[in-house]
């Protein structure tokens, strides 16, 4: 049952409508059994196993298209693999990107709403294990217990990924995500690899003429690089 709890950027906020909460988050209110499949569903699942290889192949095609399309989008990080060998075994159950919402000048719920107007449904998958009400009430867990997981969660957004997606569906998602242009923002870019020193906080300020060309992301980065580091 989904209720009015949502965790974003280190605080608890009732900032979503009931409908948004139904779409975005499912909470564990009570401890129960993990009943999953009926016998009929198991039979259907066994028959679907014959199609598994084609399902996984299609998922990998979609992921490859997403990764190529999103590779040059600033403040968006595509999901990766721990080793190259995993490319041959992962089924890509989810496609969850990391978005710097502060750099976009929007909250996560606003980004979700914008994508929804373009016909692209998104989810936050999944709520952190230690934050559902049952664990908070019984064990006293609270934001701050798992800072790395919470940091990841605060930037996570899952995009559509299922084998029945057509090439047109995939293109629609790509176009909608590429249209997420930054407004006035403060962009916090995490260092990658640990060896390359990059600015940890870049202040970006510019206005866009609604009747003129939108500054390119490259221009935006050049503008950012001239700002002071902190």
C-alpha atoms as a PDB file:
ATOM      1  CA  UNK A   1       0.000   0.000   0.000  1.00  0.00           C
ATOM      2  CA  UNK A   2       1.436   3.387  -1.005  1.00  0.00           C
ATOM      3  CA  UNK A   3       1.141   6.221   1.475  1.00  0.00           C
ATOM      4  CA  UNK A   4       2.478   9.732   1.878  1.00  0.00           C
ATOM      5  CA  UNK A   5       6.133   9.016   2.497  1.00  0.00           C
ATOM      6  CA  UNK A   6       8.805   9.896   0.012  1.00  0.00           C
ATOM      7  CA  UNK A   7      12.527  10.289   0.525  1.00  0.00           C
ATOM      8  CA  UNK A   8      14.424  12.778  -1.605  1.00  0.00           C
ATOM      9  CA  UNK A   9      17.757  14.535  -1.096  1.00  0.00           C
ATOM     10  CA  UNK A  10      18.073  13.654   2.573  1.00  0.00           C
ATOM     11  CA  UNK A  11      14.660  14.752   3.810  1.00  0.00           C
ATOM     12  CA  UNK A  12      11.173  13.310   4.082  1.00  0.00           C
ATOM     13  CA  UNK A  13       8.687  15.299   2.041  1.00  0.00           C
ATOM     14  CA  UNK A  14       5.004  14.985   1.270  1.00  0.00           C
ATOM     15  CA  UNK A  15       5.596  16.669  -2.062  1.00  0.00           C
ATOM     16  CA  UNK A  16       3.706  14.262  -4.322  1.00  0.00           C
ATOM     17  CA  UNK A  17       0.032  13.876  -5.088  1.00  0.00           C
ATOM     18  CA  UNK A  18      -1.682  10.588  -4.238  1.00  0.00           C
ATOM     19  CA  UNK A  19      -1.587   9.613  -7.926  1.00  0.00           C
ATOM     20  CA  UNK A  20       2.137  10.393  -8.153  1.00  0.00           C
ATOM     21  CA  UNK A  21       2.788   8.346  -5.040  1.00  0.00           C
ATOM     22  CA  UNK A  22       0.952   5.369  -6.557  1.00  0.00           C
ATOM     23  CA  UNK A  23       3.186   5.611  -9.594  1.00  0.00           C
ATOM     24  CA  UNK A  24       6.411   6.349  -7.788  1.00  0.00           C
ATOM     25  CA  UNK A  25       6.629   4.316  -4.621  1.00  0.00           C
ATOM     26  CA  UNK A  26       5.248   1.210  -2.910  1.00  0.00           C
ATOM     27  CA  UNK A  27       5.851   0.942   0.817  1.00  0.00           C
ATOM     28  CA  UNK A  28       6.050  -1.976   3.187  1.00  0.00           C
ATOM     29  CA  UNK A  29       3.639  -1.184   6.026  1.00  0.00           C
ATOM     30  CA  UNK A  30       3.594  -4.618   7.703  1.00  0.00           C
ATOM     31  CA  UNK A  31       5.814  -7.704   7.795  1.00  0.00           C
ATOM     32  CA  UNK A  32       4.265 -10.546   5.787  1.00  0.00           C
ATOM     33  CA  UNK A  33       4.884 -13.543   3.584  1.00  0.00           C
ATOM     34  CA  UNK A  34       6.368 -13.276   0.109  1.00  0.00           C
ATOM     35  CA  UNK A  35       3.627 -15.067  -1.829  1.00  0.00           C
ATOM     36  CA  UNK A  36       4.294 -14.628  -5.523  1.00  0.00           C
ATOM     37  CA  UNK A  37       2.941 -17.131  -8.060  1.00  0.00           C
ATOM     38  CA  UNK A  38      -0.109 -19.325  -8.446  1.00  0.00           C
ATOM     39  CA  UNK A  39       0.186 -22.687 -10.224  1.00  0.00           C
ATOM     40  CA  UNK A  40      -1.360 -21.159 -13.349  1.00  0.00           C
ATOM     41  CA  UNK A  41       1.150 -18.323 -13.310  1.00  0.00           C
ATOM     42  CA  UNK A  42       3.996 -20.831 -12.895  1.00  0.00           C
ATOM     43  CA  UNK A  43       2.757 -22.729 -15.954  1.00  0.00           C
ATOM     44  CA  UNK A  44       2.632 -19.509 -17.944  1.00  0.00           C
ATOM     45  CA  UNK A  45       6.118 -18.620 -16.725  1.00  0.00           C
ATOM     46  CA  UNK A  46       7.496 -21.975 -17.873  1.00  0.00           C
ATOM     47  CA  UNK A  47       6.038 -21.440 -21.337  1.00  0.00           C
ATOM     48  CA  UNK A  48       7.548 -17.962 -21.482  1.00  0.00           C
ATOM     49  CA  UNK A  49      11.014 -19.355 -20.766  1.00  0.00           C
ATOM     50  CA  UNK A  50      11.113 -20.471 -24.404  1.00  0.00           C
ATOM     51  CA  UNK A  51      11.063 -16.781 -25.350  1.00  0.00           C
ATOM     52  CA  UNK A  52      13.588 -15.686 -22.722  1.00  0.00           C
ATOM     53  CA  UNK A  53      16.577 -15.376 -25.062  1.00  0.00           C
ATOM     54  CA  UNK A  54      14.655 -13.096 -27.425  1.00  0.00           C
ATOM     55  CA  UNK A  55      13.396 -11.009 -24.495  1.00  0.00           C
ATOM     56  CA  UNK A  56      16.932 -10.477 -23.177  1.00  0.00           C
ATOM     57  CA  UNK A  57      18.300  -9.734 -26.649  1.00  0.00           C
ATOM     58  CA  UNK A  58      15.684  -7.026 -27.161  1.00  0.00           C
ATOM     59  CA  UNK A  59      16.402  -5.507 -23.746  1.00  0.00           C
ATOM     60  CA  UNK A  60      20.099  -5.320 -24.632  1.00  0.00           C
ATOM     61  CA  UNK A  61      19.279  -3.601 -27.929  1.00  0.00           C
ATOM     62  CA  UNK A  62      17.218  -0.972 -26.105  1.00  0.00           C
ATOM     63  CA  UNK A  63      19.916  -0.428 -23.469  1.00  0.00           C
ATOM     64  CA  UNK A  64      22.537   0.017 -26.193  1.00  0.00           C
ATOM     65  CA  UNK A  65      20.319   2.614 -27.903  1.00  0.00           C
ATOM     66  CA  UNK A  66      19.760   4.462 -24.623  1.00  0.00           C
ATOM     67  CA  UNK A  67      23.448   4.438 -23.709  1.00  0.00           C
ATOM     68  CA  UNK A  68      24.465   5.804 -27.106  1.00  0.00           C
ATOM     69  CA  UNK A  69      21.787   8.514 -27.050  1.00  0.00           C
ATOM     70  CA  UNK A  70      22.442   9.650 -23.477  1.00  0.00           C
ATOM     71  CA  UNK A  71      26.242   9.478 -23.452  1.00  0.00           C
ATOM     72  CA  UNK A  72      26.698  13.212 -24.103  1.00  0.00           C
ATOM     73  CA  UNK A  73      23.987  14.477 -21.759  1.00  0.00           C
ATOM     74  CA  UNK A  74      25.554  16.391 -18.901  1.00  0.00           C
ATOM     75  CA  UNK A  75      24.320  15.583 -15.408  1.00  0.00           C
ATOM     76  CA  UNK A  76      22.952  12.191 -16.555  1.00  0.00           C
ATOM     77  CA  UNK A  77      24.871   9.022 -15.823  1.00  0.00           C
ATOM     78  CA  UNK A  78      23.849   5.811 -17.550  1.00  0.00           C
ATOM     79  CA  UNK A  79      23.905   2.505 -15.652  1.00  0.00           C
ATOM     80  CA  UNK A  80      27.107   0.546 -15.978  1.00  0.00           C
ATOM     81  CA  UNK A  81      28.483  -2.934 -15.393  1.00  0.00           C
ATOM     82  CA  UNK A  82      31.100  -3.921 -12.846  1.00  0.00           C
ATOM     83  CA  UNK A  83      33.111  -5.807 -15.457  1.00  0.00           C
ATOM     84  CA  UNK A  84      32.915  -6.168 -19.239  1.00  0.00           C
ATOM     85  CA  UNK A  85      32.224  -9.879 -18.758  1.00  0.00           C
ATOM     86  CA  UNK A  86      28.844  -9.048 -17.200  1.00  0.00           C
ATOM     87  CA  UNK A  87      27.613  -7.768 -20.576  1.00  0.00           C
ATOM     88  CA  UNK A  88      27.146 -11.393 -21.633  1.00  0.00           C
ATOM     89  CA  UNK A  89      25.065 -12.334 -18.587  1.00  0.00           C
ATOM     90  CA  UNK A  90      22.981  -9.333 -17.498  1.00  0.00           C
ATOM     91  CA  UNK A  91      19.320  -9.350 -18.504  1.00  0.00           C
ATOM     92  CA  UNK A  92      18.831  -5.612 -17.815  1.00  0.00           C
ATOM     93  CA  UNK A  93      15.782  -5.983 -15.608  1.00  0.00           C
ATOM     94  CA  UNK A  94      15.841  -2.188 -15.067  1.00  0.00           C
ATOM     95  CA  UNK A  95      17.345   0.858 -16.712  1.00  0.00           C
ATOM     96  CA  UNK A  96      17.909   3.344 -13.908  1.00  0.00           C
ATOM     97  CA  UNK A  97      19.858   6.492 -14.676  1.00  0.00           C
ATOM     98  CA  UNK A  98      21.422   8.940 -12.245  1.00  0.00           C
ATOM     99  CA  UNK A  99      20.191  12.493 -12.812  1.00  0.00           C
ATOM    100  CA  UNK A 100      21.520  15.648 -11.174  1.00  0.00           C
ATOM    101  CA  UNK A 101      18.135  17.256 -10.563  1.00  0.00           C
ATOM    102  CA  UNK A 102      19.676  20.408  -9.097  1.00  0.00           C
ATOM    103  CA  UNK A 103      21.564  20.916 -12.361  1.00  0.00           C
ATOM    104  CA  UNK A 104      18.296  20.634 -14.263  1.00  0.00           C
ATOM    105  CA  UNK A 105      16.696  23.166 -11.952  1.00  0.00           C
ATOM    106  CA  UNK A 106      13.839  20.760 -11.198  1.00  0.00           C
ATOM    107  CA  UNK A 107      12.849  18.272  -8.537  1.00  0.00           C
ATOM    108  CA  UNK A 108      12.536  14.616  -9.421  1.00  0.00           C
ATOM    109  CA  UNK A 109       8.736  14.806  -9.321  1.00  0.00           C
ATOM    110  CA  UNK A 110       8.825  17.749 -11.749  1.00  0.00           C
ATOM    111  CA  UNK A 111      11.053  15.805 -14.152  1.00  0.00           C
ATOM    112  CA  UNK A 112       8.705  12.824 -13.908  1.00  0.00           C
ATOM    113  CA  UNK A 113       5.735  15.078 -14.627  1.00  0.00           C
ATOM    114  CA  UNK A 114       7.477  16.636 -17.632  1.00  0.00           C
ATOM    115  CA  UNK A 115       8.318  13.235 -19.089  1.00  0.00           C
ATOM    116  CA  UNK A 116       4.776  12.075 -18.449  1.00  0.00           C
ATOM    117  CA  UNK A 117       3.420  14.917 -20.571  1.00  0.00           C
ATOM    118  CA  UNK A 118       5.557  13.487 -23.395  1.00  0.00           C
ATOM    119  CA  UNK A 119       4.012  10.063 -22.896  1.00  0.00           C
ATOM    120  CA  UNK A 120       6.999   8.623 -21.030  1.00  0.00           C
ATOM    121  CA  UNK A 121       6.246   6.971 -17.699  1.00  0.00           C
ATOM    122  CA  UNK A 122       9.059   6.720 -15.153  1.00  0.00           C
ATOM    123  CA  UNK A 123       9.516   5.136 -11.745  1.00  0.00           C
ATOM    124  CA  UNK A 124      11.819   5.332  -8.743  1.00  0.00           C
ATOM    125  CA  UNK A 125      12.902   1.724  -8.293  1.00  0.00           C
ATOM    126  CA  UNK A 126      13.150   0.920  -5.526  1.00  0.00           C
ATOM    127  CA  UNK A 127      12.606   2.571  -2.147  1.00  0.00           C
ATOM    128  CA  UNK A 128      15.620   1.962   0.081  1.00  0.00           C
ATOM    129  CA  UNK A 129      15.225  -1.169   2.202  1.00  0.00           C
ATOM    130  CA  UNK A 130      15.812   0.592   5.522  1.00  0.00           C
ATOM    131  CA  UNK A 131      13.259   3.381   4.959  1.00  0.00           C
ATOM    132  CA  UNK A 132       9.820   1.714   4.642  1.00  0.00           C
ATOM    133  CA  UNK A 133       7.572   2.512   7.649  1.00  0.00           C
ATOM    134  CA  UNK A 134       7.780  -0.983   9.178  1.00  0.00           C
ATOM    135  CA  UNK A 135      11.579  -0.885   9.516  1.00  0.00           C
ATOM    136  CA  UNK A 136      11.584   2.732  10.660  1.00  0.00           C
ATOM    137  CA  UNK A 137       9.017   2.005  13.365  1.00  0.00           C
ATOM    138  CA  UNK A 138      10.494  -1.276  14.608  1.00  0.00           C
ATOM    139  CA  UNK A 139      14.229  -0.567  14.323  1.00  0.00           C
ATOM    140  CA  UNK A 140      14.407   3.208  14.415  1.00  0.00           C
ATOM    141  CA  UNK A 141      16.030   3.445  10.987  1.00  0.00           C
ATOM    142  CA  UNK A 142      16.134   6.927   9.486  1.00  0.00           C
ATOM    143  CA  UNK A 143      17.776   8.804   6.617  1.00  0.00           C
ATOM    144  CA  UNK A 144      21.533   8.966   7.210  1.00  0.00           C
ATOM    145  CA  UNK A 145      21.996   5.283   8.060  1.00  0.00           C
ATOM    146  CA  UNK A 146      23.169   4.342   4.539  1.00  0.00           C
ATOM    147  CA  UNK A 147      24.511   7.579   3.014  1.00  0.00           C
ATOM    148  CA  UNK A 148      25.898   6.050  -0.213  1.00  0.00           C
ATOM    149  CA  UNK A 149      22.669   4.206  -0.997  1.00  0.00           C
ATOM    150  CA  UNK A 150      20.662   7.308  -0.099  1.00  0.00           C
ATOM    151  CA  UNK A 151      22.784   9.471  -2.376  1.00  0.00           C
ATOM    152  CA  UNK A 152      22.197   7.048  -5.244  1.00  0.00           C
ATOM    153  CA  UNK A 153      18.470   6.885  -4.500  1.00  0.00           C
ATOM    154  CA  UNK A 154      18.085  10.662  -4.471  1.00  0.00           C
ATOM    155  CA  UNK A 155      19.310  10.815  -8.091  1.00  0.00           C
ATOM    156  CA  UNK A 156      17.736   7.617  -9.437  1.00  0.00           C
ATOM    157  CA  UNK A 157      15.075   7.462 -12.114  1.00  0.00           C
ATOM    158  CA  UNK A 158      14.066   4.328 -14.027  1.00  0.00           C
ATOM    159  CA  UNK A 159      13.144   4.679 -17.704  1.00  0.00           C
ATOM    160  CA  UNK A 160      10.871   2.343 -19.690  1.00  0.00           C
ATOM    161  CA  UNK A 161      12.520  -0.941 -20.637  1.00  0.00           C
ATOM    162  CA  UNK A 162      10.570  -3.994 -21.783  1.00  0.00           C
ATOM    163  CA  UNK A 163      10.894  -6.352 -24.763  1.00  0.00           C
ATOM    164  CA  UNK A 164       7.656  -5.281 -26.465  1.00  0.00           C
ATOM    165  CA  UNK A 165       8.894  -1.707 -26.917  1.00  0.00           C
ATOM    166  CA  UNK A 166       9.000  -0.771 -30.585  1.00  0.00           C
ATOM    167  CA  UNK A 167      11.804   1.264 -32.120  1.00  0.00           C
ATOM    168  CA  UNK A 168       9.340   4.157 -32.153  1.00  0.00           C
ATOM    169  CA  UNK A 169       8.718   3.758 -28.404  1.00  0.00           C
ATOM    170  CA  UNK A 170      12.454   3.800 -27.748  1.00  0.00           C
ATOM    171  CA  UNK A 171      12.908   6.891 -29.897  1.00  0.00           C
ATOM    172  CA  UNK A 172      10.102   8.668 -28.020  1.00  0.00           C
ATOM    173  CA  UNK A 173      11.842   8.034 -24.689  1.00  0.00           C
ATOM    174  CA  UNK A 174      15.172   9.232 -26.074  1.00  0.00           C
ATOM    175  CA  UNK A 175      13.704  12.447 -27.498  1.00  0.00           C
ATOM    176  CA  UNK A 176      11.870  13.221 -24.241  1.00  0.00           C
ATOM    177  CA  UNK A 177      14.978  12.688 -22.092  1.00  0.00           C
ATOM    178  CA  UNK A 178      17.208  14.684 -24.444  1.00  0.00           C
ATOM    179  CA  UNK A 179      14.736  17.572 -24.138  1.00  0.00           C
ATOM    180  CA  UNK A 180      15.474  17.890 -20.396  1.00  0.00           C
ATOM    181  CA  UNK A 181      17.514  21.088 -20.732  1.00  0.00           C
ATOM    182  CA  UNK A 182      18.944  22.789 -17.631  1.00  0.00           C
ATOM    183  CA  UNK A 183      17.335  25.963 -16.396  1.00  0.00           C
ATOM    184  CA  UNK A 184      19.306  28.102 -13.908  1.00  0.00           C
ATOM    185  CA  UNK A 185      21.045  25.560 -11.744  1.00  0.00           C
ATOM    186  CA  UNK A 186      23.824  24.541  -9.426  1.00  0.00           C
ATOM    187  CA  UNK A 187      25.499  21.479 -10.879  1.00  0.00           C
ATOM    188  CA  UNK A 188      27.252  19.054  -8.524  1.00  0.00           C
ATOM    189  CA  UNK A 189      29.297  16.579 -10.534  1.00  0.00           C
ATOM    190  CA  UNK A 190      30.801  13.602  -8.659  1.00  0.00           C
ATOM    191  CA  UNK A 191      34.422  12.724  -9.409  1.00  0.00           C
ATOM    192  CA  UNK A 192      34.760   9.482 -11.338  1.00  0.00           C
ATOM    193  CA  UNK A 193      37.558   6.979 -11.084  1.00  0.00           C
ATOM    194  CA  UNK A 194      39.124   8.705  -8.087  1.00  0.00           C
ATOM    195  CA  UNK A 195      42.247   9.818  -9.987  1.00  0.00           C
ATOM    196  CA  UNK A 196      41.002  12.676 -12.147  1.00  0.00           C
ATOM    197  CA  UNK A 197      40.504  15.936 -10.273  1.00  0.00           C
ATOM    198  CA  UNK A 198      37.427  17.815 -11.452  1.00  0.00           C
ATOM    199  CA  UNK A 199      35.448  20.624  -9.839  1.00  0.00           C
ATOM    200  CA  UNK A 200      33.111  19.251  -7.209  1.00  0.00           C
ATOM    201  CA  UNK A 201      30.726  22.184  -7.385  1.00  0.00           C
ATOM    202  CA  UNK A 202      30.164  24.340 -10.434  1.00  0.00           C
ATOM    203  CA  UNK A 203      27.819  27.287 -10.342  1.00  0.00           C
ATOM    204  CA  UNK A 204      25.986  27.760 -13.630  1.00  0.00           C
ATOM    205  CA  UNK A 205      23.815  30.791 -14.355  1.00  0.00           C
ATOM    206  CA  UNK A 206      22.354  31.805 -17.675  1.00  0.00           C
ATOM    207  CA  UNK A 207      19.036  32.807 -19.176  1.00  0.00           C
ATOM    208  CA  UNK A 208      17.603  31.455 -22.413  1.00  0.00           C
ATOM    209  CA  UNK A 209      15.816  33.608 -24.980  1.00  0.00           C
ATOM    210  CA  UNK A 210      12.549  31.685 -25.567  1.00  0.00           C
ATOM    211  CA  UNK A 211      12.596  32.794 -29.203  1.00  0.00           C
ATOM    212  CA  UNK A 212      16.289  32.176 -29.792  1.00  0.00           C
ATOM    213  CA  UNK A 213      18.473  29.071 -30.008  1.00  0.00           C
ATOM    214  CA  UNK A 214      18.930  27.012 -26.875  1.00  0.00           C
ATOM    215  CA  UNK A 215      22.585  26.988 -25.761  1.00  0.00           C
ATOM    216  CA  UNK A 216      24.221  23.672 -26.493  1.00  0.00           C
ATOM    217  CA  UNK A 217      25.377  21.432 -23.661  1.00  0.00           C
ATOM    218  CA  UNK A 218      28.951  22.047 -24.801  1.00  0.00           C
ATOM    219  CA  UNK A 219      28.408  25.797 -24.424  1.00  0.00           C
ATOM    220  CA  UNK A 220      26.898  25.155 -21.012  1.00  0.00           C
ATOM    221  CA  UNK A 221      29.981  23.228 -19.919  1.00  0.00           C
ATOM    222  CA  UNK A 222      32.304  25.924 -21.277  1.00  0.00           C
ATOM    223  CA  UNK A 223      30.315  28.484 -19.297  1.00  0.00           C
ATOM    224  CA  UNK A 224      30.561  26.309 -16.210  1.00  0.00           C
ATOM    225  CA  UNK A 225      34.318  25.778 -16.577  1.00  0.00           C
ATOM    226  CA  UNK A 226      34.917  29.517 -16.289  1.00  0.00           C
ATOM    227  CA  UNK A 227      33.240  29.613 -12.873  1.00  0.00           C
ATOM    228  CA  UNK A 228      35.215  29.290  -9.668  1.00  0.00           C
ATOM    229  CA  UNK A 229      35.635  25.991  -7.883  1.00  0.00           C
ATOM    230  CA  UNK A 230      34.617  25.456  -4.275  1.00  0.00           C
END
